[in-house]
Amino acid sequence: MQSYRLERFGSLEGLRLIDEPQPVFGRNQVLIKVHACSLNYRDLAILHGTGTLSPKAGLIPLSDGVGEVIATGEAVSLFNIGDRVAGSFFPYWFSGKRDDAAARGTYGTQADGWLTQYKVVDEETLVAIPDYLSWEQAATLPCAAVTAWNSLQQSRPIQPGECILTQGTGGVALFAVQFAKLMGARVIALTSSDEKAQLLTTLGADHIINYQQNPEWSVKVRELTQGKGVARVVEIGGPGTLKQSLLSTAAGGEIALLGFVASGSQAVDFMTLFKSGATVRPFSVGSREDFIAMNAALTLSQLQPVVGKVFAFEQAVEAWRYFDSRQQTGKVVISIS
């Protein structure tokens, strides 16, 4: 079989396609023929050595992958041959709060990921994927979709009529718009172009703010909420957007702190944080239980994930390069035929 391994960090020259033996499965494991993977900002952070991750060199990258069970160990009881499955982002976070034990074995940093033709995993680390989704659509779920779902479900679920704020048109942001509309919420979405604004409107966003034209976009958010601010901010930008998010949040509201894709050095002063009355809560994807709950909502609603561009397995380096250019809208997927 063939796999990609990230042998060194810093540039895509370290990502190499190699031939290697097909993995052998144990009593409680399944062998999966991988059909699709998707890229996340996390994968760029691993490649370039940014953020808080400390990955091992030489691993197969990518946390998000889906495929078909083609063989099972003698003790496997959760899945059968032919089942369509996805890997959980945190393989051993089954439910409840995440602790050190639940955070172990993450794909692409501590263990081999999904950019390969065949993969062996423990059966309890898998989730069945909704039947209506294509392989490419299902590959968008493990990180971006579960993250967006939890940003609106925890620490308390968003209620109908409440207003949320999303940032951009990446995978997490678009899922957040779609899930918020399923929950009956109003959505204010930030974007940088008319083309992206049209997509957000199509997905159900109630108001669009062009942050290029309105760098102090919290003023517009306050206008659109009659001065109250939003109940939840799906905060993806991090350093470049947090201050404006604090100024946009209603007293008692929450900022779901998910990422750091927007560069910036503007410090958040104490009085801005104090006067906002907001809770800033970091989130890190979710558990297997969260994934299953989200899939139930997907099946009921038939929600369509936004796949921006699909690359062939042989074009994986080009897929990373395209993703690194930040041109994409929605998810970038690698299809493995």
C-alpha atoms as a PDB file:
ATOM      1  CA  MET A   1       0.000   0.000   0.000  1.00  0.00           C
ATOM      2  CA  GLN A   2       0.973   3.658  -0.211  1.00  0.00           C
ATOM      3  CA  SER A   3       1.089   6.279   2.525  1.00  0.00           C
ATOM      4  CA  TYR A   4       2.309   9.837   2.897  1.00  0.00           C
ATOM      5  CA  ARG A   5       4.700  10.523   5.760  1.00  0.00           C
ATOM      6  CA  LEU A   6       5.785  13.929   7.029  1.00  0.00           C
ATOM      7  CA  GLU A   7       9.465  13.185   7.510  1.00  0.00           C
ATOM      8  CA  ARG A   8      10.516  16.706   8.426  1.00  0.00           C
ATOM      9  CA  PHE A   9       8.816  19.976   9.207  1.00  0.00           C
ATOM     10  CA  GLY A  10       9.063  23.441   7.684  1.00  0.00           C
ATOM     11  CA  SER A  11       8.040  22.818   4.068  1.00  0.00           C
ATOM     12  CA  LEU A  12       6.122  20.399   1.890  1.00  0.00           C
ATOM     13  CA  GLU A  13       9.405  18.906   0.716  1.00  0.00           C
ATOM     14  CA  GLY A  14       9.191  16.820   3.873  1.00  0.00           C
ATOM     15  CA  LEU A  15       5.898  15.188   2.812  1.00  0.00           C
ATOM     16  CA  ARG A  16       6.766  11.994   0.928  1.00  0.00           C
ATOM     17  CA  LEU A  17       4.703   9.241  -0.698  1.00  0.00           C
ATOM     18  CA  ILE A  18       6.112   5.828   0.193  1.00  0.00           C
ATOM     19  CA  ASP A  19       5.296   2.130  -0.265  1.00  0.00           C
ATOM     20  CA  GLU A  20       4.898   0.155   2.932  1.00  0.00           C
ATOM     21  CA  PRO A  21       3.304  -3.099   4.133  1.00  0.00           C
ATOM     22  CA  GLN A  22      -0.409  -3.188   4.844  1.00  0.00           C
ATOM     23  CA  PRO A  23      -0.944  -2.999   8.622  1.00  0.00           C
ATOM     24  CA  VAL A  24      -1.971  -6.073  10.625  1.00  0.00           C
ATOM     25  CA  PHE A  25      -5.032  -5.860  12.887  1.00  0.00           C
ATOM     26  CA  GLY A  26      -5.467  -7.309  16.370  1.00  0.00           C
ATOM     27  CA  ARG A  27      -8.373  -8.898  18.271  1.00  0.00           C
ATOM     28  CA  ASN A  28     -10.201  -5.614  19.009  1.00  0.00           C
ATOM     29  CA  GLN A  29      -9.180  -3.788  15.845  1.00  0.00           C
ATOM     30  CA  VAL A  30     -10.538  -3.262  12.352  1.00  0.00           C
ATOM     31  CA  LEU A  31      -8.822  -2.829   8.997  1.00  0.00           C
ATOM     32  CA  ILE A  32     -10.155   0.135   7.031  1.00  0.00           C
ATOM     33  CA  LYS A  33      -9.850   0.920   3.363  1.00  0.00           C
ATOM     34  CA  VAL A  34      -9.537   4.700   3.544  1.00  0.00           C
ATOM     35  CA  HIS A  35     -11.669   6.581   1.017  1.00  0.00           C
ATOM     36  CA  ALA A  36     -11.177  10.267   1.882  1.00  0.00           C
ATOM     37  CA  CYS A  37      -9.349  12.666   4.218  1.00  0.00           C
ATOM     38  CA  SER A  38      -9.674  16.384   4.860  1.00  0.00           C
ATOM     39  CA  LEU A  39      -7.248  19.121   5.826  1.00  0.00           C
ATOM     40  CA  ASN A  40      -7.519  21.379   8.868  1.00  0.00           C
ATOM     41  CA  TYR A  41      -5.604  24.441  10.018  1.00  0.00           C
ATOM     42  CA  ARG A  42      -4.014  22.144  12.587  1.00  0.00           C
ATOM     43  CA  ASP A  43      -2.206  20.351   9.753  1.00  0.00           C
ATOM     44  CA  LEU A  44      -0.601  23.612   8.645  1.00  0.00           C
ATOM     45  CA  ALA A  45       0.439  24.304  12.235  1.00  0.00           C
ATOM     46  CA  ILE A  46       2.123  20.888  12.341  1.00  0.00           C
ATOM     47  CA  LEU A  47       3.860  21.471   9.018  1.00  0.00           C
ATOM     48  CA  HIS A  48       5.141  24.942   9.890  1.00  0.00           C
ATOM     49  CA  GLY A  49       5.760  24.427  13.596  1.00  0.00           C
ATOM     50  CA  THR A  50       3.300  27.098  14.745  1.00  0.00           C
ATOM     51  CA  GLY A  51       0.861  26.906  17.627  1.00  0.00           C
ATOM     52  CA  THR A  52       1.203  24.677  20.670  1.00  0.00           C
ATOM     53  CA  LEU A  53       1.678  21.263  19.052  1.00  0.00           C
ATOM     54  CA  SER A  54       4.803  19.112  19.432  1.00  0.00           C
ATOM     55  CA  PRO A  55       4.455  16.500  16.690  1.00  0.00           C
ATOM     56  CA  LYS A  56       6.726  13.548  16.042  1.00  0.00           C
ATOM     57  CA  ALA A  57       8.500  13.471  12.689  1.00  0.00           C
ATOM     58  CA  GLY A  58       7.879  10.588  10.315  1.00  0.00           C
ATOM     59  CA  LEU A  59       4.173  10.062  11.032  1.00  0.00           C
ATOM     60  CA  ILE A  60       1.365   9.752   8.509  1.00  0.00           C
ATOM     61  CA  PRO A  61      -0.443  13.118   8.741  1.00  0.00           C
ATOM     62  CA  LEU A  62      -4.102  14.213   8.900  1.00  0.00           C
ATOM     63  CA  SER A  63      -6.551  13.748  11.751  1.00  0.00           C
ATOM     64  CA  ASP A  64      -9.675  13.447   9.593  1.00  0.00           C
ATOM     65  CA  GLY A  65     -10.394  10.330   7.585  1.00  0.00           C
ATOM     66  CA  VAL A  66     -13.235   8.011   6.592  1.00  0.00           C
ATOM     67  CA  GLY A  67     -13.407   4.602   5.026  1.00  0.00           C
ATOM     68  CA  GLU A  68     -14.916   1.146   4.796  1.00  0.00           C
ATOM     69  CA  VAL A  69     -14.317  -1.684   7.247  1.00  0.00           C
ATOM     70  CA  ILE A  70     -12.843  -4.568   5.214  1.00  0.00           C
ATOM     71  CA  ALA A  71     -11.683  -6.909   8.001  1.00  0.00           C
ATOM     72  CA  THR A  72     -12.244  -7.277  11.750  1.00  0.00           C
ATOM     73  CA  GLY A  73     -10.463  -8.873  14.673  1.00  0.00           C
ATOM     74  CA  GLU A  74     -12.063 -11.843  16.402  1.00  0.00           C
ATOM     75  CA  ALA A  75     -13.255  -9.791  19.393  1.00  0.00           C
ATOM     76  CA  VAL A  76     -14.740  -6.870  17.422  1.00  0.00           C
ATOM     77  CA  SER A  77     -18.445  -6.312  18.160  1.00  0.00           C
ATOM     78  CA  LEU A  78     -19.215  -2.689  17.266  1.00  0.00           C
ATOM     79  CA  PHE A  79     -18.659  -2.848  13.499  1.00  0.00           C
ATOM     80  CA  ASN A  80     -19.039  -5.289  10.636  1.00  0.00           C
ATOM     81  CA  ILE A  81     -17.357  -5.678   7.272  1.00  0.00           C
ATOM     82  CA  GLY A  82     -18.790  -3.091   4.890  1.00  0.00           C
ATOM     83  CA  ASP A  83     -19.603  -0.483   7.542  1.00  0.00           C
ATOM     84  CA  ARG A  84     -18.779   3.146   6.707  1.00  0.00           C
ATOM     85  CA  VAL A  85     -16.810   4.757   9.524  1.00  0.00           C
ATOM     86  CA  ALA A  86     -14.877   7.855  10.581  1.00  0.00           C
ATOM     87  CA  GLY A  87     -12.116   8.165  13.126  1.00  0.00           C
ATOM     88  CA  SER A  88     -12.686  10.326  16.201  1.00  0.00           C
ATOM     89  CA  PHE A  89     -10.319  13.294  16.393  1.00  0.00           C
ATOM     90  CA  PHE A  90      -9.310  12.221  19.915  1.00  0.00           C
ATOM     91  CA  PRO A  91      -9.328   8.436  19.560  1.00  0.00           C
ATOM     92  CA  TYR A  92      -9.624   7.760  23.298  1.00  0.00           C
ATOM     93  CA  TRP A  93     -11.919  10.586  24.400  1.00  0.00           C
ATOM     94  CA  PHE A  94     -15.148   8.648  24.617  1.00  0.00           C
ATOM     95  CA  SER A  95     -17.371  10.982  26.685  1.00  0.00           C
ATOM     96  CA  GLY A  96     -17.360  13.498  29.519  1.00  0.00           C
ATOM     97  CA  LYS A  97     -14.532  15.931  30.104  1.00  0.00           C
ATOM     98  CA  ARG A  98     -11.212  15.545  28.347  1.00  0.00           C
ATOM     99  CA  ASP A  99      -8.261  14.596  30.536  1.00  0.00           C
ATOM    100  CA  ASP A 100      -4.693  13.546  29.778  1.00  0.00           C
ATOM    101  CA  ALA A 101      -5.704   9.944  29.143  1.00  0.00           C
ATOM    102  CA  ALA A 102      -8.442  10.995  26.721  1.00  0.00           C
ATOM    103  CA  ALA A 103      -6.063  13.291  24.856  1.00  0.00           C
ATOM    104  CA  ARG A 104      -3.501  10.600  24.056  1.00  0.00           C
ATOM    105  CA  GLY A 105      -2.805   9.106  20.663  1.00  0.00           C
ATOM    106  CA  THR A 106      -3.859  12.022  18.480  1.00  0.00           C
ATOM    107  CA  TYR A 107      -3.439  11.455  14.763  1.00  0.00           C
ATOM    108  CA  GLY A 108      -0.570  13.193  12.999  1.00  0.00           C
ATOM    109  CA  THR A 109       1.142  14.286  16.218  1.00  0.00           C
ATOM    110  CA  GLN A 110       1.437  11.164  18.395  1.00  0.00           C
ATOM    111  CA  ALA A 111       0.170   8.413  16.085  1.00  0.00           C
ATOM    112  CA  ASP A 112      -0.125   7.767  12.358  1.00  0.00           C
ATOM    113  CA  GLY A 113      -2.968   9.695  10.737  1.00  0.00           C
ATOM    114  CA  TRP A 114      -5.290   9.024   7.809  1.00  0.00           C
ATOM    115  CA  LEU A 115      -3.377  10.022   4.659  1.00  0.00           C
ATOM    116  CA  THR A 116      -2.906   6.391   3.667  1.00  0.00           C
ATOM    117  CA  GLN A 117      -4.711   3.717   1.684  1.00  0.00           C
ATOM    118  CA  TYR A 118      -5.304   1.303   4.585  1.00  0.00           C
ATOM    119  CA  LYS A 119      -5.479   1.888   8.326  1.00  0.00           C
ATOM    120  CA  VAL A 120      -5.855  -0.262  11.453  1.00  0.00           C
ATOM    121  CA  VAL A 121      -7.586   1.254  14.495  1.00  0.00           C
ATOM    122  CA  ASP A 122      -9.211   0.096  17.734  1.00  0.00           C
ATOM    123  CA  GLU A 123     -12.931  -0.371  17.133  1.00  0.00           C
ATOM    124  CA  GLU A 124     -14.028   1.949  19.970  1.00  0.00           C
ATOM    125  CA  THR A 125     -12.219   4.894  18.351  1.00  0.00           C
ATOM    126  CA  LEU A 126     -14.589   4.831  15.354  1.00  0.00           C
ATOM    127  CA  VAL A 127     -17.988   6.353  14.630  1.00  0.00           C
ATOM    128  CA  ALA A 128     -20.493   5.266  11.990  1.00  0.00           C
ATOM    129  CA  ILE A 129     -21.058   8.003   9.397  1.00  0.00           C
ATOM    130  CA  PRO A 130     -24.488   9.080   8.100  1.00  0.00           C
ATOM    131  CA  ASP A 131     -25.587   7.049   5.078  1.00  0.00           C
ATOM    132  CA  TYR A 132     -26.619  10.069   3.013  1.00  0.00           C
ATOM    133  CA  LEU A 133     -23.141  11.604   2.920  1.00  0.00           C
ATOM    134  CA  SER A 134     -20.539  10.899   0.248  1.00  0.00           C
ATOM    135  CA  TRP A 135     -17.069   9.845   1.347  1.00  0.00           C
ATOM    136  CA  GLU A 136     -15.778  13.346   0.595  1.00  0.00           C
ATOM    137  CA  GLN A 137     -18.535  15.008   2.618  1.00  0.00           C
ATOM    138  CA  ALA A 138     -18.085  12.624   5.543  1.00  0.00           C
ATOM    139  CA  ALA A 139     -14.340  13.336   5.637  1.00  0.00           C
ATOM    140  CA  THR A 140     -15.107  16.922   6.692  1.00  0.00           C
ATOM    141  CA  LEU A 141     -16.732  15.857   9.967  1.00  0.00           C
ATOM    142  CA  PRO A 142     -14.204  14.674  12.613  1.00  0.00           C
ATOM    143  CA  CYS A 143     -12.551  18.012  13.401  1.00  0.00           C
ATOM    144  CA  ALA A 144     -14.397  20.961  11.840  1.00  0.00           C
ATOM    145  CA  ALA A 145     -17.966  19.753  12.232  1.00  0.00           C
ATOM    146  CA  VAL A 146     -17.589  18.385  15.776  1.00  0.00           C
ATOM    147  CA  THR A 147     -15.775  21.576  16.808  1.00  0.00           C
ATOM    148  CA  ALA A 148     -18.555  23.767  15.406  1.00  0.00           C
ATOM    149  CA  TRP A 149     -21.229  21.580  17.004  1.00  0.00           C
ATOM    150  CA  ASN A 150     -19.650  21.807  20.447  1.00  0.00           C
ATOM    151  CA  SER A 151     -19.051  25.551  20.133  1.00  0.00           C
ATOM    152  CA  LEU A 152     -22.851  25.921  20.057  1.00  0.00           C
ATOM    153  CA  GLN A 153     -23.793  23.063  22.414  1.00  0.00           C
ATOM    154  CA  GLN A 154     -21.363  23.689  25.277  1.00  0.00           C
ATOM    155  CA  SER A 155     -21.192  25.019  27.928  1.00  0.00           C
ATOM    156  CA  ARG A 156     -24.921  25.397  27.296  1.00  0.00           C
ATOM    157  CA  PRO A 157     -26.856  24.849  24.067  1.00  0.00           C
ATOM    158  CA  ILE A 158     -27.727  27.896  21.996  1.00  0.00           C
ATOM    159  CA  GLN A 159     -31.454  28.640  22.230  1.00  0.00           C
ATOM    160  CA  PRO A 160     -33.864  29.575  19.409  1.00  0.00           C
ATOM    161  CA  GLY A 161     -33.836  33.312  18.786  1.00  0.00           C
ATOM    162  CA  GLU A 162     -30.375  33.902  20.221  1.00  0.00           C
ATOM    163  CA  CYS A 163     -27.744  35.538  18.034  1.00  0.00           C
ATOM    164  CA  ILE A 164     -24.306  34.139  17.285  1.00  0.00           C
ATOM    165  CA  LEU A 165     -21.296  35.550  15.457  1.00  0.00           C
ATOM    166  CA  THR A 166     -19.098  33.538  13.075  1.00  0.00           C
ATOM    167  CA  GLN A 167     -15.789  34.436  11.444  1.00  0.00           C
ATOM    168  CA  GLY A 168     -14.897  33.681   7.835  1.00  0.00           C
ATOM    169  CA  THR A 169     -15.741  30.836   5.476  1.00  0.00           C
ATOM    170  CA  GLY A 170     -13.479  28.034   6.665  1.00  0.00           C
ATOM    171  CA  GLY A 171     -14.802  24.623   7.607  1.00  0.00           C
ATOM    172  CA  VAL A 172     -15.616  25.371  11.259  1.00  0.00           C
ATOM    173  CA  ALA A 173     -17.268  28.702  10.488  1.00  0.00           C
ATOM    174  CA  LEU A 174     -19.521  27.286   7.772  1.00  0.00           C
ATOM    175  CA  PHE A 175     -20.596  24.348   9.919  1.00  0.00           C
ATOM    176  CA  ALA A 176     -21.324  26.814  12.737  1.00  0.00           C
ATOM    177  CA  VAL A 177     -23.631  28.817  10.465  1.00  0.00           C
ATOM    178  CA  GLN A 178     -25.464  25.672   9.395  1.00  0.00           C
ATOM    179  CA  PHE A 179     -25.799  24.236  12.905  1.00  0.00           C
ATOM    180  CA  ALA A 180     -26.916  27.576  14.335  1.00  0.00           C
ATOM    181  CA  LYS A 181     -29.740  27.757  11.822  1.00  0.00           C
ATOM    182  CA  LEU A 182     -30.791  24.197  12.742  1.00  0.00           C
ATOM    183  CA  MET A 183     -31.012  25.413  16.344  1.00  0.00           C
ATOM    184  CA  GLY A 184     -33.180  28.385  15.396  1.00  0.00           C
ATOM    185  CA  ALA A 185     -30.525  31.025  16.060  1.00  0.00           C
ATOM    186  CA  ARG A 186     -29.801  34.259  14.219  1.00  0.00           C
ATOM    187  CA  VAL A 187     -26.369  34.439  12.593  1.00  0.00           C
ATOM    188  CA  ILE A 188     -24.107  37.417  12.000  1.00  0.00           C
ATOM    189  CA  ALA A 189     -21.217  36.324   9.801  1.00  0.00           C
ATOM    190  CA  LEU A 190     -17.925  38.059   9.098  1.00  0.00           C
ATOM    191  CA  THR A 191     -16.297  37.732   5.694  1.00  0.00           C
ATOM    192  CA  SER A 192     -14.013  39.579   3.298  1.00  0.00           C
ATOM    193  CA  SER A 193     -15.719  39.472  -0.126  1.00  0.00           C
ATOM    194  CA  ASP A 194     -19.078  39.624  -1.876  1.00  0.00           C
ATOM    195  CA  GLU A 195     -18.592  36.109  -3.275  1.00  0.00           C
ATOM    196  CA  LYS A 196     -18.096  34.634   0.183  1.00  0.00           C
ATOM    197  CA  ALA A 197     -20.995  36.726   1.487  1.00  0.00           C
ATOM    198  CA  GLN A 198     -23.251  35.089  -1.078  1.00  0.00           C
ATOM    199  CA  LEU A 199     -22.275  31.623   0.142  1.00  0.00           C
ATOM    200  CA  LEU A 200     -22.965  32.601   3.759  1.00  0.00           C
ATOM    201  CA  THR A 201     -26.365  33.971   2.768  1.00  0.00           C
ATOM    202  CA  THR A 202     -27.158  30.739   0.930  1.00  0.00           C
ATOM    203  CA  LEU A 203     -26.330  28.774   4.091  1.00  0.00           C
ATOM    204  CA  GLY A 204     -28.724  30.934   6.113  1.00  0.00           C
ATOM    205  CA  ALA A 205     -26.677  33.745   7.650  1.00  0.00           C
ATOM    206  CA  ASP A 206     -29.021  36.596   8.583  1.00  0.00           C
ATOM    207  CA  HIS A 207     -26.486  39.438   8.421  1.00  0.00           C
ATOM    208  CA  ILE A 208     -23.083  39.756   6.756  1.00  0.00           C
ATOM    209  CA  ILE A 209     -20.315  42.145   7.812  1.00  0.00           C
ATOM    210  CA  ASN A 210     -17.317  42.715   5.553  1.00  0.00           C
ATOM    211  CA  TYR A 211     -14.451  42.959   8.029  1.00  0.00           C
ATOM    212  CA  GLN A 212     -12.144  44.480   5.410  1.00  0.00           C
ATOM    213  CA  GLN A 213     -14.511  47.423   5.052  1.00  0.00           C
ATOM    214  CA  ASN A 214     -15.362  47.464   8.764  1.00  0.00           C
ATOM    215  CA  PRO A 215     -12.182  46.735  10.774  1.00  0.00           C
ATOM    216  CA  GLU A 216     -14.003  47.822  13.956  1.00  0.00           C
ATOM    217  CA  TRP A 217     -16.768  45.333  13.200  1.00  0.00           C
ATOM    218  CA  SER A 218     -17.981  45.158  16.782  1.00  0.00           C
ATOM    219  CA  VAL A 219     -19.733  48.492  16.152  1.00  0.00           C
ATOM    220  CA  LYS A 220     -21.823  46.900  13.376  1.00  0.00           C
ATOM    221  CA  VAL A 221     -22.515  43.851  15.539  1.00  0.00           C
ATOM    222  CA  ARG A 222     -23.878  46.092  18.285  1.00  0.00           C
ATOM    223  CA  GLU A 223     -26.050  47.947  15.778  1.00  0.00           C
ATOM    224  CA  LEU A 224     -27.502  44.687  14.449  1.00  0.00           C
ATOM    225  CA  THR A 225     -28.300  43.478  17.972  1.00  0.00           C
ATOM    226  CA  GLN A 226     -29.854  46.763  19.188  1.00  0.00           C
ATOM    227  CA  GLY A 227     -26.828  47.364  21.374  1.00  0.00           C
ATOM    228  CA  LYS A 228     -27.039  44.039  23.223  1.00  0.00           C
ATOM    229  CA  GLY A 229     -24.278  42.044  21.554  1.00  0.00           C
ATOM    230  CA  VAL A 230     -24.315  38.347  20.632  1.00  0.00           C
ATOM    231  CA  ALA A 231     -24.854  35.353  22.900  1.00  0.00           C
ATOM    232  CA  ARG A 232     -21.992  33.333  21.405  1.00  0.00           C
ATOM    233  CA  VAL A 233     -18.938  34.070  19.284  1.00  0.00           C
ATOM    234  CA  VAL A 234     -17.395  31.200  17.345  1.00  0.00           C
ATOM    235  CA  GLU A 235     -13.878  32.598  17.726  1.00  0.00           C
ATOM    236  CA  ILE A 236     -11.512  31.248  15.091  1.00  0.00           C
ATOM    237  CA  GLY A 237      -9.193  34.207  14.540  1.00  0.00           C
ATOM    238  CA  GLY A 238      -7.622  34.365  17.979  1.00  0.00           C
ATOM    239  CA  PRO A 239      -4.915  37.050  18.303  1.00  0.00           C
ATOM    240  CA  GLY A 240      -6.229  39.145  15.416  1.00  0.00           C
ATOM    241  CA  THR A 241      -9.913  39.122  16.389  1.00  0.00           C
ATOM    242  CA  LEU A 242     -10.351  38.495  20.125  1.00  0.00           C
ATOM    243  CA  LYS A 243     -10.615  42.136  21.170  1.00  0.00           C
ATOM    244  CA  GLN A 244     -13.374  42.839  18.647  1.00  0.00           C
ATOM    245  CA  SER A 245     -15.112  39.635  19.733  1.00  0.00           C
ATOM    246  CA  LEU A 246     -15.108  40.799  23.345  1.00  0.00           C
ATOM    247  CA  LEU A 247     -16.637  44.097  22.263  1.00  0.00           C
ATOM    248  CA  SER A 248     -19.300  42.157  20.308  1.00  0.00           C
ATOM    249  CA  THR A 249     -20.418  39.799  23.078  1.00  0.00           C
ATOM    250  CA  ALA A 250     -23.421  40.413  25.293  1.00  0.00           C
ATOM    251  CA  ALA A 251     -22.976  40.484  29.053  1.00  0.00           C
ATOM    252  CA  GLY A 252     -23.225  36.861  30.155  1.00  0.00           C
ATOM    253  CA  GLY A 253     -22.412  35.674  26.644  1.00  0.00           C
ATOM    254  CA  GLU A 254     -19.625  33.327  25.683  1.00  0.00           C
ATOM    255  CA  ILE A 255     -16.699  33.278  23.300  1.00  0.00           C
ATOM    256  CA  ALA A 256     -15.923  29.753  22.122  1.00  0.00           C
ATOM    257  CA  LEU A 257     -12.175  30.046  21.608  1.00  0.00           C
ATOM    258  CA  LEU A 258     -11.336  27.598  18.832  1.00  0.00           C
ATOM    259  CA  GLY A 259      -8.353  28.786  16.824  1.00  0.00           C
ATOM    260  CA  PHE A 260      -5.654  31.263  15.984  1.00  0.00           C
ATOM    261  CA  VAL A 261      -5.852  31.701  12.210  1.00  0.00           C
ATOM    262  CA  ALA A 262      -5.844  35.527  12.213  1.00  0.00           C
ATOM    263  CA  SER A 263      -2.460  37.046  12.962  1.00  0.00           C
ATOM    264  CA  GLY A 264      -2.318  40.096  15.148  1.00  0.00           C
ATOM    265  CA  SER A 265      -0.465  41.619  18.052  1.00  0.00           C
ATOM    266  CA  GLN A 266      -3.149  43.856  19.530  1.00  0.00           C
ATOM    267  CA  ALA A 267      -3.279  43.045  23.219  1.00  0.00           C
ATOM    268  CA  VAL A 268      -6.578  42.625  25.039  1.00  0.00           C
ATOM    269  CA  ASP A 269      -6.463  45.028  27.944  1.00  0.00           C
ATOM    270  CA  PHE A 270      -7.918  44.113  31.323  1.00  0.00           C
ATOM    271  CA  MET A 271     -10.758  46.648  31.259  1.00  0.00           C
ATOM    272  CA  THR A 272     -12.018  45.413  27.866  1.00  0.00           C
ATOM    273  CA  LEU A 273     -12.129  41.876  29.221  1.00  0.00           C
ATOM    274  CA  PHE A 274     -13.651  42.918  32.542  1.00  0.00           C
ATOM    275  CA  LYS A 275     -16.343  45.192  31.107  1.00  0.00           C
ATOM    276  CA  SER A 276     -17.438  42.697  28.478  1.00  0.00           C
ATOM    277  CA  GLY A 277     -19.008  40.383  31.043  1.00  0.00           C
ATOM    278  CA  ALA A 278     -18.231  37.521  28.658  1.00  0.00           C
ATOM    279  CA  THR A 279     -16.862  34.078  29.365  1.00  0.00           C
ATOM    280  CA  VAL A 280     -13.913  33.084  27.163  1.00  0.00           C
ATOM    281  CA  ARG A 281     -13.891  29.305  26.951  1.00  0.00           C
ATOM    282  CA  PRO A 282     -11.287  27.340  24.956  1.00  0.00           C
ATOM    283  CA  PHE A 283     -12.647  24.328  23.074  1.00  0.00           C
ATOM    284  CA  SER A 284     -10.810  21.402  21.539  1.00  0.00           C
ATOM    285  CA  VAL A 285     -13.078  19.482  19.127  1.00  0.00           C
ATOM    286  CA  GLY A 286     -15.063  16.939  21.182  1.00  0.00           C
ATOM    287  CA  SER A 287     -15.569  13.358  22.278  1.00  0.00           C
ATOM    288  CA  ARG A 288     -16.856  10.278  20.474  1.00  0.00           C
ATOM    289  CA  GLU A 289     -20.185  10.811  22.253  1.00  0.00           C
ATOM    290  CA  ASP A 290     -20.336  14.359  20.849  1.00  0.00           C
ATOM    291  CA  PHE A 291     -19.588  13.043  17.350  1.00  0.00           C
ATOM    292  CA  ILE A 292     -22.430  10.517  17.587  1.00  0.00           C
ATOM    293  CA  ALA A 293     -24.883  13.173  18.825  1.00  0.00           C
ATOM    294  CA  MET A 294     -23.918  15.492  15.973  1.00  0.00           C
ATOM    295  CA  ASN A 295     -24.357  12.689  13.433  1.00  0.00           C
ATOM    296  CA  ALA A 296     -27.909  12.153  14.695  1.00  0.00           C
ATOM    297  CA  ALA A 297     -28.640  15.824  13.969  1.00  0.00           C
ATOM    298  CA  LEU A 298     -27.042  15.515  10.530  1.00  0.00           C
ATOM    299  CA  THR A 299     -29.132  12.480   9.646  1.00  0.00           C
ATOM    300  CA  LEU A 300     -32.341  14.190  10.729  1.00  0.00           C
ATOM    301  CA  SER A 301     -31.601  17.464   8.925  1.00  0.00           C
ATOM    302  CA  GLN A 302     -29.720  16.053   5.886  1.00  0.00           C
ATOM    303  CA  LEU A 303     -27.332  19.011   6.254  1.00  0.00           C
ATOM    304  CA  GLN A 304     -24.874  19.279   3.348  1.00  0.00           C
ATOM    305  CA  PRO A 305     -21.233  19.959   4.317  1.00  0.00           C
ATOM    306  CA  VAL A 306     -19.478  22.524   2.149  1.00  0.00           C
ATOM    307  CA  VAL A 307     -16.658  20.842   0.237  1.00  0.00           C
ATOM    308  CA  GLY A 308     -14.601  23.535  -1.430  1.00  0.00           C
ATOM    309  CA  LYS A 309     -12.202  21.446  -3.503  1.00  0.00           C
ATOM    310  CA  VAL A 310     -11.305  17.769  -3.908  1.00  0.00           C
ATOM    311  CA  PHE A 311      -7.850  16.460  -4.821  1.00  0.00           C
ATOM    312  CA  ALA A 312      -6.791  12.944  -5.771  1.00  0.00           C
ATOM    313  CA  PHE A 313      -4.535  10.935  -3.454  1.00  0.00           C
ATOM    314  CA  GLU A 314      -1.664  11.413  -5.889  1.00  0.00           C
ATOM    315  CA  GLN A 315      -2.195  15.186  -5.607  1.00  0.00           C
ATOM    316  CA  ALA A 316      -1.903  15.352  -1.821  1.00  0.00           C
ATOM    317  CA  VAL A 317       1.063  17.738  -1.904  1.00  0.00           C
ATOM    318  CA  GLU A 318      -0.874  20.050  -4.239  1.00  0.00           C
ATOM    319  CA  ALA A 319      -3.843  19.859  -1.848  1.00  0.00           C
ATOM    320  CA  TRP A 320      -1.642  20.999   1.063  1.00  0.00           C
ATOM    321  CA  ARG A 321      -0.135  23.758  -1.052  1.00  0.00           C
ATOM    322  CA  TYR A 322      -3.581  24.996  -2.085  1.00  0.00           C
ATOM    323  CA  PHE A 323      -4.788  24.875   1.520  1.00  0.00           C
ATOM    324  CA  ASP A 324      -1.686  26.742   2.683  1.00  0.00           C
ATOM    325  CA  SER A 325      -2.459  29.527   0.191  1.00  0.00           C
ATOM    326  CA  ARG A 326      -5.685  30.284   2.136  1.00  0.00           C
ATOM    327  CA  GLN A 327      -7.700  30.476  -1.081  1.00  0.00           C
ATOM    328  CA  GLN A 328     -10.238  27.864  -0.042  1.00  0.00           C
ATOM    329  CA  THR A 329     -13.851  28.281   0.946  1.00  0.00           C
ATOM    330  CA  GLY A 330     -15.170  25.315   2.884  1.00  0.00           C
ATOM    331  CA  LYS A 331     -13.199  22.107   3.294  1.00  0.00           C
ATOM    332  CA  VAL A 332     -10.305  20.816   1.205  1.00  0.00           C
ATOM    333  CA  VAL A 333     -10.607  17.049   0.735  1.00  0.00           C
ATOM    334  CA  ILE A 334      -8.275  14.335  -0.563  1.00  0.00           C
ATOM    335  CA  SER A 335     -10.097  11.451  -2.254  1.00  0.00           C
ATOM    336  CA  ILE A 336      -8.451   8.018  -2.134  1.00  0.00           C
ATOM    337  CA  SER A 337      -9.858   5.778  -4.871  1.00  0.00           C
END
